[in-house]
Amino acid sequence: LIRAVTGQATMPVLKHYKGVCQIFADASCDVA
């Protein structure tokens, strides 16, 4: 839906395509 609206809109679009969020656990992280 968001990509379709973005492709058709003639005015600016404030968009949020998706929330693909990552966590990176570094070597020094507190495991617990």
PDB file of all heavy atoms in Angstrom:
ATOM      1  N   LEU A   1       0.833  -1.203   0.000  1.00  0.00           N
ATOM      2  CA  LEU A   1       0.000   0.000   0.000  1.00  0.00           C
ATOM      3  C   LEU A   1       0.865   1.249   0.000  1.00  0.00           C
ATOM      4  O   LEU A   1       0.641   2.183  -0.779  1.00  0.00           O
ATOM      5  CB  LEU A   1      -0.909  -0.006   1.228  1.00  0.00           C
ATOM      6  CG  LEU A   1      -1.633   1.325   1.510  1.00  0.00           C
ATOM      7  CD1 LEU A   1      -2.676   1.608   0.447  1.00  0.00           C
ATOM      8  CD2 LEU A   1      -2.265   1.318   2.894  1.00  0.00           C
ATOM      9  N   ILE A   2       1.876   1.266   0.854  1.00  0.00           N
ATOM     10  CA  ILE A   2       2.698   2.471   0.992  1.00  0.00           C
ATOM     11  C   ILE A   2       3.471   2.742  -0.291  1.00  0.00           C
ATOM     12  O   ILE A   2       3.559   3.887  -0.747  1.00  0.00           O
ATOM     13  CB  ILE A   2       3.638   2.330   2.201  1.00  0.00           C
ATOM     14  CG1 ILE A   2       2.797   2.263   3.485  1.00  0.00           C
ATOM     15  CG2 ILE A   2       4.612   3.503   2.283  1.00  0.00           C
ATOM     16  CD1 ILE A   2       3.557   1.850   4.714  1.00  0.00           C
ATOM     17  N   ARG A   3       4.009   1.704  -0.903  1.00  0.00           N
ATOM     18  CA  ARG A   3       4.739   1.916  -2.162  1.00  0.00           C
ATOM     19  C   ARG A   3       3.793   2.381  -3.271  1.00  0.00           C
ATOM     20  O   ARG A   3       4.160   3.214  -4.102  1.00  0.00           O
ATOM     21  CB  ARG A   3       5.462   0.631  -2.568  1.00  0.00           C
ATOM     22  CG  ARG A   3       6.644   0.299  -1.661  1.00  0.00           C
ATOM     23  CD  ARG A   3       7.526  -0.793  -2.239  1.00  0.00           C
ATOM     24  NE  ARG A   3       8.630  -1.103  -1.354  1.00  0.00           N
ATOM     25  CZ  ARG A   3       9.768  -0.400  -1.281  1.00  0.00           C
ATOM     26  NH1 ARG A   3       9.928   0.654  -2.073  1.00  0.00           N
ATOM     27  NH2 ARG A   3      10.730  -0.748  -0.447  1.00  0.00           N
ATOM     28  N   ALA A   4       2.584   1.852  -3.279  1.00  0.00           N
ATOM     29  CA  ALA A   4       1.625   2.271  -4.300  1.00  0.00           C
ATOM     30  C   ALA A   4       1.249   3.733  -4.122  1.00  0.00           C
ATOM     31  O   ALA A   4       1.213   4.508  -5.092  1.00  0.00           O
ATOM     32  CB  ALA A   4       0.377   1.393  -4.223  1.00  0.00           C
ATOM     33  N   VAL A   5       0.973   4.138  -2.891  1.00  0.00           N
ATOM     34  CA  VAL A   5       0.633   5.537  -2.625  1.00  0.00           C
ATOM     35  C   VAL A   5       1.798   6.441  -3.000  1.00  0.00           C
ATOM     36  O   VAL A   5       1.618   7.490  -3.644  1.00  0.00           O
ATOM     37  CB  VAL A   5       0.243   5.730  -1.144  1.00  0.00           C
ATOM     38  CG1 VAL A   5       0.141   7.214  -0.791  1.00  0.00           C
ATOM     39  CG2 VAL A   5      -1.085   5.034  -0.851  1.00  0.00           C
ATOM     40  N   THR A   6       3.002   6.047  -2.633  1.00  0.00           N
ATOM     41  CA  THR A   6       4.186   6.846  -2.937  1.00  0.00           C
ATOM     42  C   THR A   6       4.355   7.009  -4.445  1.00  0.00           C
ATOM     43  O   THR A   6       4.715   8.081  -4.935  1.00  0.00           O
ATOM     44  CB  THR A   6       5.446   6.183  -2.344  1.00  0.00           C
ATOM     45  OG1 THR A   6       5.279   6.055  -0.925  1.00  0.00           O
ATOM     46  CG2 THR A   6       6.682   7.015  -2.613  1.00  0.00           C
ATOM     47  N   GLY A   7       4.069   5.943  -5.189  1.00  0.00           N
ATOM     48  CA  GLY A   7       4.209   6.003  -6.639  1.00  0.00           C
ATOM     49  C   GLY A   7       3.165   6.863  -7.321  1.00  0.00           C
ATOM     50  O   GLY A   7       3.403   7.385  -8.413  1.00  0.00           O
ATOM     51  N   GLN A   8       1.999   7.030  -6.695  1.00  0.00           N
ATOM     52  CA  GLN A   8       0.899   7.751  -7.339  1.00  0.00           C
ATOM     53  C   GLN A   8       0.719   9.177  -6.830  1.00  0.00           C
ATOM     54  O   GLN A   8       0.116  10.005  -7.512  1.00  0.00           O
ATOM     55  CB  GLN A   8      -0.409   6.987  -7.110  1.00  0.00           C
ATOM     56  CG  GLN A   8      -0.429   5.587  -7.697  1.00  0.00           C
ATOM     57  CD  GLN A   8      -0.228   5.600  -9.213  1.00  0.00           C
ATOM     58  OE1 GLN A   8      -0.801   6.434  -9.901  1.00  0.00           O
ATOM     59  NE2 GLN A   8       0.579   4.691  -9.714  1.00  0.00           N
ATOM     60  N   ALA A   9       1.205   9.484  -5.642  1.00  0.00           N
ATOM     61  CA  ALA A   9       0.922  10.786  -5.031  1.00  0.00           C
ATOM     62  C   ALA A   9       1.612  11.923  -5.773  1.00  0.00           C
ATOM     63  O   ALA A   9       2.767  11.806  -6.191  1.00  0.00           O
ATOM     64  CB  ALA A   9       1.352  10.783  -3.572  1.00  0.00           C
ATOM     65  N   THR A  10       0.911  13.020  -5.924  1.00  0.00           N
ATOM     66  CA  THR A  10       1.464  14.217  -6.545  1.00  0.00           C
ATOM     67  C   THR A  10       1.918  15.229  -5.498  1.00  0.00           C
ATOM     68  O   THR A  10       2.404  16.303  -5.852  1.00  0.00           O
ATOM     69  CB  THR A  10       0.416  14.873  -7.458  1.00  0.00           C
ATOM     70  OG1 THR A  10      -0.778  15.133  -6.702  1.00  0.00           O
ATOM     71  CG2 THR A  10       0.076  13.981  -8.636  1.00  0.00           C
ATOM     72  N   MET A  11       1.752  14.883  -4.221  1.00  0.00           N
ATOM     73  CA  MET A  11       2.211  15.735  -3.123  1.00  0.00           C
ATOM     74  C   MET A  11       3.259  14.967  -2.317  1.00  0.00           C
ATOM     75  O   MET A  11       3.423  13.769  -2.499  1.00  0.00           O
ATOM     76  CB  MET A  11       1.029  16.146  -2.229  1.00  0.00           C
ATOM     77  CG  MET A  11       0.367  15.020  -1.463  1.00  0.00           C
ATOM     78  SD  MET A  11      -0.649  13.904  -2.489  1.00  0.00           S
ATOM     79  CE  MET A  11      -2.007  14.991  -2.945  1.00  0.00           C
ATOM     80  N   PRO A  12       4.007  15.635  -1.440  1.00  0.00           N
ATOM     81  CA  PRO A  12       5.009  14.927  -0.636  1.00  0.00           C
ATOM     82  C   PRO A  12       4.378  13.816   0.206  1.00  0.00           C
ATOM     83  O   PRO A  12       3.230  13.924   0.628  1.00  0.00           O
ATOM     84  CB  PRO A  12       5.594  16.021   0.260  1.00  0.00           C
ATOM     85  CG  PRO A  12       5.336  17.294  -0.473  1.00  0.00           C
ATOM     86  CD  PRO A  12       4.031  17.091  -1.188  1.00  0.00           C
ATOM     87  N   VAL A  13       5.145  12.749   0.444  1.00  0.00           N
ATOM     88  CA  VAL A  13       4.683  11.597   1.216  1.00  0.00           C
ATOM     89  C   VAL A  13       5.621  11.392   2.401  1.00  0.00           C
ATOM     90  O   VAL A  13       6.836  11.302   2.228  1.00  0.00           O
ATOM     91  CB  VAL A  13       4.652  10.318   0.350  1.00  0.00           C
ATOM     92  CG1 VAL A  13       4.164   9.135   1.173  1.00  0.00           C
ATOM     93  CG2 VAL A  13       3.786  10.514  -0.883  1.00  0.00           C
ATOM     94  N   LEU A  14       5.043  11.333   3.597  1.00  0.00           N
ATOM     95  CA  LEU A  14       5.795  10.906   4.778  1.00  0.00           C
ATOM     96  C   LEU A  14       5.543   9.418   4.924  1.00  0.00           C
ATOM     97  O   LEU A  14       4.428   9.001   5.211  1.00  0.00           O
ATOM     98  CB  LEU A  14       5.321  11.659   6.024  1.00  0.00           C
ATOM     99  CG  LEU A  14       5.800  13.109   6.151  1.00  0.00           C
ATOM    100  CD1 LEU A  14       5.158  13.776   7.356  1.00  0.00           C
ATOM    101  CD2 LEU A  14       7.321  13.157   6.270  1.00  0.00           C
ATOM    102  N   LYS A  15       6.573   8.610   4.731  1.00  0.00           N
ATOM    103  CA  LYS A  15       6.334   7.182   4.600  1.00  0.00           C
ATOM    104  C   LYS A  15       7.087   6.357   5.634  1.00  0.00           C
ATOM    105  O   LYS A  15       8.112   6.760   6.156  1.00  0.00           O
ATOM    106  CB  LYS A  15       6.664   6.704   3.196  1.00  0.00           C
ATOM    107  CG  LYS A  15       8.022   7.135   2.671  1.00  0.00           C
ATOM    108  CD  LYS A  15       8.173   6.811   1.215  1.00  0.00           C
ATOM    109  CE  LYS A  15       9.462   7.328   0.609  1.00  0.00           C
ATOM    110  NZ  LYS A  15       9.524   8.779   0.513  1.00  0.00           N
ATOM    111  N   HIS A  16       6.552   5.207   5.878  1.00  0.00           N
ATOM    112  CA  HIS A  16       7.150   4.201   6.753  1.00  0.00           C
ATOM    113  C   HIS A  16       6.902   2.872   6.049  1.00  0.00           C
ATOM    114  O   HIS A  16       5.837   2.299   6.179  1.00  0.00           O
ATOM    115  CB  HIS A  16       6.467   4.239   8.123  1.00  0.00           C
ATOM    116  CG  HIS A  16       6.812   3.086   9.004  1.00  0.00           C
ATOM    117  ND1 HIS A  16       6.545   3.092  10.346  1.00  0.00           N
ATOM    118  CD2 HIS A  16       7.400   1.888   8.751  1.00  0.00           C
ATOM    119  CE1 HIS A  16       6.943   1.944  10.880  1.00  0.00           C
ATOM    120  NE2 HIS A  16       7.456   1.206   9.925  1.00  0.00           N
ATOM    121  N   TYR A  17       7.884   2.450   5.260  1.00  0.00           N
ATOM    122  CA  TYR A  17       7.672   1.233   4.476  1.00  0.00           C
ATOM    123  C   TYR A  17       7.500   0.016   5.374  1.00  0.00           C
ATOM    124  O   TYR A  17       6.586  -0.762   5.228  1.00  0.00           O
ATOM    125  CB  TYR A  17       8.849   1.002   3.529  1.00  0.00           C
ATOM    126  CG  TYR A  17       8.800   1.851   2.289  1.00  0.00           C
ATOM    127  CD1 TYR A  17       9.936   2.530   1.839  1.00  0.00           C
ATOM    128  CD2 TYR A  17       7.633   1.995   1.573  1.00  0.00           C
ATOM    129  CE1 TYR A  17       9.901   3.312   0.699  1.00  0.00           C
ATOM    130  CE2 TYR A  17       7.585   2.786   0.430  1.00  0.00           C
ATOM    131  CZ  TYR A  17       8.725   3.433   0.000  1.00  0.00           C
ATOM    132  OH  TYR A  17       8.680   4.208  -1.123  1.00  0.00           O
ATOM    133  N   LYS A  18       8.413  -0.159   6.312  1.00  0.00           N
ATOM    134  CA  LYS A  18       8.333  -1.321   7.193  1.00  0.00           C
ATOM    135  C   LYS A  18       9.315  -1.127   8.338  1.00  0.00           C
ATOM    136  O   LYS A  18      10.172  -0.241   8.304  1.00  0.00           O
ATOM    137  CB  LYS A  18       8.633  -2.613   6.436  1.00  0.00           C
ATOM    138  CG  LYS A  18       9.958  -2.621   5.676  1.00  0.00           C
ATOM    139  CD  LYS A  18      10.081  -3.870   4.831  1.00  0.00           C
ATOM    140  CE  LYS A  18      11.362  -3.824   3.982  1.00  0.00           C
ATOM    141  NZ  LYS A  18      11.498  -5.027   3.146  1.00  0.00           N
ATOM    142  N   GLY A  19       9.163  -1.966   9.366  1.00  0.00           N
ATOM    143  CA  GLY A  19      10.048  -1.898  10.515  1.00  0.00           C
ATOM    144  C   GLY A  19      10.892  -3.152  10.607  1.00  0.00           C
ATOM    145  O   GLY A  19      10.539  -4.079  11.326  1.00  0.00           O
ATOM    146  N   VAL A  20      11.988  -3.200   9.869  1.00  0.00           N
ATOM    147  CA  VAL A  20      12.917  -4.321   9.971  1.00  0.00           C
ATOM    148  C   VAL A  20      14.042  -3.872  10.906  1.00  0.00           C
ATOM    149  O   VAL A  20      14.975  -3.185  10.498  1.00  0.00           O
ATOM    150  CB  VAL A  20      13.474  -4.739   8.599  1.00  0.00           C
ATOM    151  CG1 VAL A  20      14.450  -5.904   8.757  1.00  0.00           C
ATOM    152  CG2 VAL A  20      12.340  -5.128   7.660  1.00  0.00           C
ATOM    153  N   CYS A  21      13.910  -4.232  12.175  1.00  0.00           N
ATOM    154  CA  CYS A  21      14.807  -3.736  13.218  1.00  0.00           C
ATOM    155  C   CYS A  21      15.771  -4.838  13.646  1.00  0.00           C
ATOM    156  O   CYS A  21      15.361  -5.992  13.825  1.00  0.00           O
ATOM    157  CB  CYS A  21      14.002  -3.257  14.429  1.00  0.00           C
ATOM    158  SG  CYS A  21      12.691  -2.073  14.013  1.00  0.00           S
ATOM    159  N   GLN A  22      17.034  -4.478  13.837  1.00  0.00           N
ATOM    160  CA  GLN A  22      18.068  -5.426  14.252  1.00  0.00           C
ATOM    161  C   GLN A  22      18.630  -5.057  15.628  1.00  0.00           C
ATOM    162  O   GLN A  22      18.652  -3.876  16.000  1.00  0.00           O
ATOM    163  CB  GLN A  22      19.244  -5.434  13.267  1.00  0.00           C
ATOM    164  CG  GLN A  22      19.033  -6.260  12.014  1.00  0.00           C
ATOM    165  CD  GLN A  22      18.030  -5.663  11.041  1.00  0.00           C
ATOM    166  OE1 GLN A  22      17.218  -6.356  10.476  1.00  0.00           O
ATOM    167  NE2 GLN A  22      18.092  -4.354  10.861  1.00  0.00           N
ATOM    168  N   ILE A  23      19.100  -6.057  16.345  1.00  0.00           N
ATOM    169  CA  ILE A  23      19.939  -5.861  17.521  1.00  0.00           C
ATOM    170  C   ILE A  23      21.268  -6.550  17.246  1.00  0.00           C
ATOM    171  O   ILE A  23      21.301  -7.708  16.800  1.00  0.00           O
ATOM    172  CB  ILE A  23      19.301  -6.439  18.796  1.00  0.00           C
ATOM    173  CG1 ILE A  23      18.134  -5.558  19.257  1.00  0.00           C
ATOM    174  CG2 ILE A  23      20.335  -6.552  19.917  1.00  0.00           C
ATOM    175  CD1 ILE A  23      17.452  -6.048  20.528  1.00  0.00           C
ATOM    176  N   PHE A  24      22.363  -5.823  17.487  1.00  0.00           N
ATOM    177  CA  PHE A  24      23.691  -6.408  17.345  1.00  0.00           C
ATOM    178  C   PHE A  24      24.282  -6.616  18.729  1.00  0.00           C
ATOM    179  O   PHE A  24      24.481  -5.665  19.489  1.00  0.00           O
ATOM    180  CB  PHE A  24      24.606  -5.495  16.524  1.00  0.00           C
ATOM    181  CG  PHE A  24      26.061  -5.870  16.595  1.00  0.00           C
ATOM    182  CD1 PHE A  24      26.482  -7.171  16.318  1.00  0.00           C
ATOM    183  CD2 PHE A  24      27.027  -4.923  16.943  1.00  0.00           C
ATOM    184  CE1 PHE A  24      27.822  -7.526  16.398  1.00  0.00           C
ATOM    185  CE2 PHE A  24      28.369  -5.268  17.014  1.00  0.00           C
ATOM    186  CZ  PHE A  24      28.775  -6.571  16.744  1.00  0.00           C
ATOM    187  N   ALA A  25      24.532  -7.874  19.096  1.00  0.00           N
ATOM    188  CA  ALA A  25      25.176  -8.205  20.358  1.00  0.00           C
ATOM    189  C   ALA A  25      26.681  -8.261  20.121  1.00  0.00           C
ATOM    190  O   ALA A  25      27.194  -9.196  19.484  1.00  0.00           O
ATOM    191  CB  ALA A  25      24.655  -9.533  20.890  1.00  0.00           C
ATOM    192  N   ASP A  26      27.386  -7.244  20.619  1.00  0.00           N
ATOM    193  CA  ASP A  26      28.825  -7.128  20.422  1.00  0.00           C
ATOM    194  C   ASP A  26      29.559  -8.138  21.320  1.00  0.00           C
ATOM    195  O   ASP A  26      28.992  -8.694  22.268  1.00  0.00           O
ATOM    196  CB  ASP A  26      29.255  -5.696  20.758  1.00  0.00           C
ATOM    197  CG  ASP A  26      30.642  -5.359  20.259  1.00  0.00           C
ATOM    198  OD1 ASP A  26      31.180  -6.111  19.431  1.00  0.00           O
ATOM    199  OD2 ASP A  26      31.197  -4.323  20.703  1.00  0.00           O
ATOM    200  N   ALA A  27      30.842  -8.320  21.061  1.00  0.00           N
ATOM    201  CA  ALA A  27      31.633  -9.299  21.813  1.00  0.00           C
ATOM    202  C   ALA A  27      31.653  -8.991  23.306  1.00  0.00           C
ATOM    203  O   ALA A  27      31.724  -9.906  24.136  1.00  0.00           O
ATOM    204  CB  ALA A  27      33.057  -9.338  21.265  1.00  0.00           C
ATOM    205  N   SER A  28      31.564  -7.709  23.663  1.00  0.00           N
ATOM    206  CA  SER A  28      31.678  -7.320  25.072  1.00  0.00           C
ATOM    207  C   SER A  28      30.328  -7.187  25.769  1.00  0.00           C
ATOM    208  O   SER A  28      30.267  -6.673  26.887  1.00  0.00           O
ATOM    209  CB  SER A  28      32.422  -5.985  25.184  1.00  0.00           C
ATOM    210  OG  SER A  28      31.659  -4.956  24.566  1.00  0.00           O
ATOM    211  N   CYS A  29      29.257  -7.624  25.136  1.00  0.00           N
ATOM    212  CA  CYS A  29      27.931  -7.413  25.743  1.00  0.00           C
ATOM    213  C   CYS A  29      27.797  -8.173  27.058  1.00  0.00           C
ATOM    214  O   CYS A  29      28.413  -9.218  27.258  1.00  0.00           O
ATOM    215  CB  CYS A  29      26.815  -7.808  24.779  1.00  0.00           C
ATOM    216  SG  CYS A  29      26.602  -9.588  24.554  1.00  0.00           S
ATOM    217  N   ASP A  30      26.978  -7.623  27.942  1.00  0.00           N
ATOM    218  CA  ASP A  30      26.618  -8.300  29.193  1.00  0.00           C
ATOM    219  C   ASP A  30      25.568  -9.352  28.832  1.00  0.00           C
ATOM    220  O   ASP A  30      24.443  -9.019  28.472  1.00  0.00           O
ATOM    221  CB  ASP A  30      26.063  -7.271  30.171  1.00  0.00           C
ATOM    222  CG  ASP A  30      25.675  -7.869  31.507  1.00  0.00           C
ATOM    223  OD1 ASP A  30      24.990  -8.918  31.514  1.00  0.00           O
ATOM    224  OD2 ASP A  30      26.010  -7.273  32.547  1.00  0.00           O
ATOM    225  N   VAL A  31      25.920 -10.628  28.909  1.00  0.00           N
ATOM    226  CA  VAL A  31      25.058 -11.692  28.396  1.00  0.00           C
ATOM    227  C   VAL A  31      23.708 -11.726  29.113  1.00  0.00           C
ATOM    228  O   VAL A  31      22.651 -11.816  28.461  1.00  0.00           O
ATOM    229  CB  VAL A  31      25.767 -13.062  28.496  1.00  0.00           C
ATOM    230  CG1 VAL A  31      24.790 -14.196  28.193  1.00  0.00           C
ATOM    231  CG2 VAL A  31      26.935 -13.113  27.531  1.00  0.00           C
ATOM    232  N   ALA A  32      23.708 -11.649  30.425  1.00  0.00           N
ATOM    233  CA  ALA A  32      22.442 -11.721  31.169  1.00  0.00           C
ATOM    234  C   ALA A  32      21.531 -10.553  30.792  1.00  0.00           C
ATOM    235  O   ALA A  32      20.328 -10.728  30.565  1.00  0.00           O
ATOM    236  CB  ALA A  32      22.720 -11.715  32.672  1.00  0.00           C
TER     237      ALA A  32
END
